[in-house]
């Protein structure tokens, strides 16, 4: 069901510092910051030959990333995103297997303009997993 790894998301307390690390130190192609108001984050994508790194920074007072950064002052891996061919079929299969889908269970449009869903980390070996329709 799951396809290729789309990205690994890292929550960061200082978006410019993290962007500079990947751009200037590691020599990676780094996108400009983009506000994602529906998700309460600002995203920067780091392009790698085989996948992407998504840098996440809080946007607004109710950002889900704020709580993560309160617990992890230096930041850290927030979630992993896998591609699926059909997000509704994938959701239905995951729910049938007993996994909890976060939110209202309906896909939202993610940072790439494609439908996404998140699964509860207690159901996925302690890791927040995202699926994105390819």
C-alpha atoms as a PDB file:
ATOM      1  CA  UNK A   1       0.000   0.000   0.000  1.00  0.00           C
ATOM      2  CA  UNK A   2       2.638   2.589   0.939  1.00  0.00           C
ATOM      3  CA  UNK A   3       4.859   3.838  -1.813  1.00  0.00           C
ATOM      4  CA  UNK A   4       8.033   5.808  -1.724  1.00  0.00           C
ATOM      5  CA  UNK A   5       9.197   8.029   1.106  1.00  0.00           C
ATOM      6  CA  UNK A   6       8.020  11.549   0.313  1.00  0.00           C
ATOM      7  CA  UNK A   7       9.716  13.447   3.129  1.00  0.00           C
ATOM      8  CA  UNK A   8      10.962  13.495   6.697  1.00  0.00           C
ATOM      9  CA  UNK A   9       9.660  16.493   8.649  1.00  0.00           C
ATOM     10  CA  UNK A  10      11.830  18.188  11.257  1.00  0.00           C
ATOM     11  CA  UNK A  11      10.388  20.765  13.651  1.00  0.00           C
ATOM     12  CA  UNK A  12      12.834  23.619  14.163  1.00  0.00           C
ATOM     13  CA  UNK A  13      12.854  26.518  16.630  1.00  0.00           C
ATOM     14  CA  UNK A  14      14.802  28.784  14.234  1.00  0.00           C
ATOM     15  CA  UNK A  15      13.752  28.344  10.610  1.00  0.00           C
ATOM     16  CA  UNK A  16      16.409  30.624   9.108  1.00  0.00           C
ATOM     17  CA  UNK A  17      19.201  28.929  11.059  1.00  0.00           C
ATOM     18  CA  UNK A  18      17.989  25.480   9.995  1.00  0.00           C
ATOM     19  CA  UNK A  19      17.607  26.595   6.365  1.00  0.00           C
ATOM     20  CA  UNK A  20      21.133  28.029   6.405  1.00  0.00           C
ATOM     21  CA  UNK A  21      22.518  24.756   7.781  1.00  0.00           C
ATOM     22  CA  UNK A  22      21.095  22.761   4.884  1.00  0.00           C
ATOM     23  CA  UNK A  23      21.789  25.444   2.252  1.00  0.00           C
ATOM     24  CA  UNK A  24      25.197  26.773   3.300  1.00  0.00           C
ATOM     25  CA  UNK A  25      26.773  23.919   5.258  1.00  0.00           C
ATOM     26  CA  UNK A  26      25.372  20.891   3.431  1.00  0.00           C
ATOM     27  CA  UNK A  27      25.026  22.568   0.018  1.00  0.00           C
ATOM     28  CA  UNK A  28      21.417  21.476  -0.534  1.00  0.00           C
ATOM     29  CA  UNK A  29      18.751  23.250  -2.555  1.00  0.00           C
ATOM     30  CA  UNK A  30      16.433  24.923  -0.026  1.00  0.00           C
ATOM     31  CA  UNK A  31      13.049  26.461  -0.854  1.00  0.00           C
ATOM     32  CA  UNK A  32      11.755  29.762   0.419  1.00  0.00           C
ATOM     33  CA  UNK A  33       9.517  29.604   3.516  1.00  0.00           C
ATOM     34  CA  UNK A  34       5.817  29.109   2.789  1.00  0.00           C
ATOM     35  CA  UNK A  35       3.020  29.757   5.279  1.00  0.00           C
ATOM     36  CA  UNK A  36       0.607  26.830   5.599  1.00  0.00           C
ATOM     37  CA  UNK A  37      -2.239  28.413   7.604  1.00  0.00           C
ATOM     38  CA  UNK A  38      -4.498  25.332   7.387  1.00  0.00           C
ATOM     39  CA  UNK A  39      -1.806  23.346   9.203  1.00  0.00           C
ATOM     40  CA  UNK A  40      -0.454  26.080  11.493  1.00  0.00           C
ATOM     41  CA  UNK A  41       3.093  25.828  10.187  1.00  0.00           C
ATOM     42  CA  UNK A  42       5.657  27.506   7.991  1.00  0.00           C
ATOM     43  CA  UNK A  43       7.423  25.014   5.727  1.00  0.00           C
ATOM     44  CA  UNK A  44      10.766  24.970   3.978  1.00  0.00           C
ATOM     45  CA  UNK A  45      11.660  22.037   1.744  1.00  0.00           C
ATOM     46  CA  UNK A  46      15.190  20.751   1.351  1.00  0.00           C
ATOM     47  CA  UNK A  47      15.591  18.885  -1.933  1.00  0.00           C
ATOM     48  CA  UNK A  48      17.689  15.717  -1.813  1.00  0.00           C
ATOM     49  CA  UNK A  49      18.419  13.321  -4.682  1.00  0.00           C
ATOM     50  CA  UNK A  50      16.131  10.625  -3.253  1.00  0.00           C
ATOM     51  CA  UNK A  51      13.608  12.494  -1.061  1.00  0.00           C
ATOM     52  CA  UNK A  52      12.954  15.769   0.758  1.00  0.00           C
ATOM     53  CA  UNK A  53      13.393  17.164   4.243  1.00  0.00           C
ATOM     54  CA  UNK A  54      10.530  19.373   5.417  1.00  0.00           C
ATOM     55  CA  UNK A  55      11.538  21.976   7.984  1.00  0.00           C
ATOM     56  CA  UNK A  56       8.544  22.980  10.134  1.00  0.00           C
ATOM     57  CA  UNK A  57       8.185  26.108  12.214  1.00  0.00           C
ATOM     58  CA  UNK A  58       5.102  27.304  14.132  1.00  0.00           C
ATOM     59  CA  UNK A  59       2.663  29.674  12.437  1.00  0.00           C
ATOM     60  CA  UNK A  60       0.267  31.318  14.862  1.00  0.00           C
ATOM     61  CA  UNK A  61      -0.540  30.647  18.495  1.00  0.00           C
ATOM     62  CA  UNK A  62      -2.375  27.364  17.908  1.00  0.00           C
ATOM     63  CA  UNK A  63       0.323  25.654  15.868  1.00  0.00           C
ATOM     64  CA  UNK A  64       0.676  21.927  16.577  1.00  0.00           C
ATOM     65  CA  UNK A  65       4.421  22.424  16.237  1.00  0.00           C
ATOM     66  CA  UNK A  66       4.518  24.784  19.246  1.00  0.00           C
ATOM     67  CA  UNK A  67       3.759  21.986  21.700  1.00  0.00           C
ATOM     68  CA  UNK A  68       6.327  19.735  20.065  1.00  0.00           C
ATOM     69  CA  UNK A  69       8.991  22.443  20.381  1.00  0.00           C
ATOM     70  CA  UNK A  70       8.058  23.085  24.025  1.00  0.00           C
ATOM     71  CA  UNK A  71       8.897  19.432  24.717  1.00  0.00           C
ATOM     72  CA  UNK A  72      11.890  19.386  22.348  1.00  0.00           C
ATOM     73  CA  UNK A  73      13.631  22.758  22.698  1.00  0.00           C
ATOM     74  CA  UNK A  74      16.219  22.056  19.980  1.00  0.00           C
ATOM     75  CA  UNK A  75      13.648  20.610  17.569  1.00  0.00           C
ATOM     76  CA  UNK A  76      13.648  17.121  16.136  1.00  0.00           C
ATOM     77  CA  UNK A  77      11.976  14.695  13.770  1.00  0.00           C
ATOM     78  CA  UNK A  78       8.252  15.403  13.798  1.00  0.00           C
ATOM     79  CA  UNK A  79       6.862  12.958  11.221  1.00  0.00           C
ATOM     80  CA  UNK A  80       7.559  10.777   8.215  1.00  0.00           C
ATOM     81  CA  UNK A  81       5.470  10.973   5.036  1.00  0.00           C
ATOM     82  CA  UNK A  82       4.817   8.097   2.639  1.00  0.00           C
ATOM     83  CA  UNK A  83       3.084   8.280  -0.702  1.00  0.00           C
ATOM     84  CA  UNK A  84      -0.040   6.260  -1.513  1.00  0.00           C
ATOM     85  CA  UNK A  85      -1.861   5.874  -4.826  1.00  0.00           C
ATOM     86  CA  UNK A  86      -5.356   6.327  -3.391  1.00  0.00           C
ATOM     87  CA  UNK A  87      -5.619   8.140  -0.070  1.00  0.00           C
ATOM     88  CA  UNK A  88      -9.260   7.182   0.553  1.00  0.00           C
ATOM     89  CA  UNK A  89      -8.598   3.482  -0.070  1.00  0.00           C
ATOM     90  CA  UNK A  90      -5.478   3.707   2.123  1.00  0.00           C
ATOM     91  CA  UNK A  91      -7.438   5.457   4.893  1.00  0.00           C
ATOM     92  CA  UNK A  92     -10.186   2.859   4.805  1.00  0.00           C
ATOM     93  CA  UNK A  93      -7.700   0.011   4.940  1.00  0.00           C
ATOM     94  CA  UNK A  94      -5.773   1.580   7.828  1.00  0.00           C
ATOM     95  CA  UNK A  95      -8.978   2.191   9.779  1.00  0.00           C
ATOM     96  CA  UNK A  96     -10.078  -1.413   9.154  1.00  0.00           C
ATOM     97  CA  UNK A  97      -6.733  -2.502  10.637  1.00  0.00           C
ATOM     98  CA  UNK A  98      -7.502  -0.461  13.777  1.00  0.00           C
ATOM     99  CA  UNK A  99      -5.311   2.584  13.184  1.00  0.00           C
ATOM    100  CA  UNK A 100      -6.663   5.953  14.268  1.00  0.00           C
ATOM    101  CA  UNK A 101      -6.676   8.742  11.717  1.00  0.00           C
ATOM    102  CA  UNK A 102      -6.128  12.167  13.270  1.00  0.00           C
ATOM    103  CA  UNK A 103      -8.541  15.046  12.806  1.00  0.00           C
ATOM    104  CA  UNK A 104     -11.943  14.327  11.321  1.00  0.00           C
ATOM    105  CA  UNK A 105     -10.640  11.480   9.155  1.00  0.00           C
ATOM    106  CA  UNK A 106     -10.993  13.432   5.933  1.00  0.00           C
ATOM    107  CA  UNK A 107      -7.912  14.393   3.921  1.00  0.00           C
ATOM    108  CA  UNK A 108      -6.632  17.965   4.027  1.00  0.00           C
ATOM    109  CA  UNK A 109      -4.579  19.558   1.293  1.00  0.00           C
ATOM    110  CA  UNK A 110      -0.938  19.448   2.343  1.00  0.00           C
ATOM    111  CA  UNK A 111       2.110  21.568   1.541  1.00  0.00           C
ATOM    112  CA  UNK A 112       2.507  19.934  -1.888  1.00  0.00           C
ATOM    113  CA  UNK A 113      -1.085  20.697  -2.870  1.00  0.00           C
ATOM    114  CA  UNK A 114      -2.101  17.042  -2.512  1.00  0.00           C
ATOM    115  CA  UNK A 115      -4.431  15.306  -0.021  1.00  0.00           C
ATOM    116  CA  UNK A 116      -2.799  14.154   3.239  1.00  0.00           C
ATOM    117  CA  UNK A 117      -3.774  12.307   6.418  1.00  0.00           C
ATOM    118  CA  UNK A 118      -1.953  11.629   9.677  1.00  0.00           C
ATOM    119  CA  UNK A 119      -2.128   8.506  11.844  1.00  0.00           C
ATOM    120  CA  UNK A 120      -1.973   8.505  15.626  1.00  0.00           C
ATOM    121  CA  UNK A 121       1.622   7.770  16.714  1.00  0.00           C
ATOM    122  CA  UNK A 122       0.428   5.377  19.438  1.00  0.00           C
ATOM    123  CA  UNK A 123      -0.791   3.125  16.612  1.00  0.00           C
ATOM    124  CA  UNK A 124       2.378   3.418  14.521  1.00  0.00           C
ATOM    125  CA  UNK A 125       5.246   2.442  16.843  1.00  0.00           C
ATOM    126  CA  UNK A 126       5.510   5.905  18.374  1.00  0.00           C
ATOM    127  CA  UNK A 127       6.068   7.746  15.094  1.00  0.00           C
ATOM    128  CA  UNK A 128       3.649  10.255  13.619  1.00  0.00           C
ATOM    129  CA  UNK A 129       3.049   9.033  10.076  1.00  0.00           C
ATOM    130  CA  UNK A 130       1.599  11.033   7.220  1.00  0.00           C
ATOM    131  CA  UNK A 131       0.285   9.618   3.964  1.00  0.00           C
ATOM    132  CA  UNK A 132       0.063  11.756   0.862  1.00  0.00           C
ATOM    133  CA  UNK A 133      -1.702  10.893  -2.362  1.00  0.00           C
ATOM    134  CA  UNK A 134       0.918  10.536  -5.085  1.00  0.00           C
END
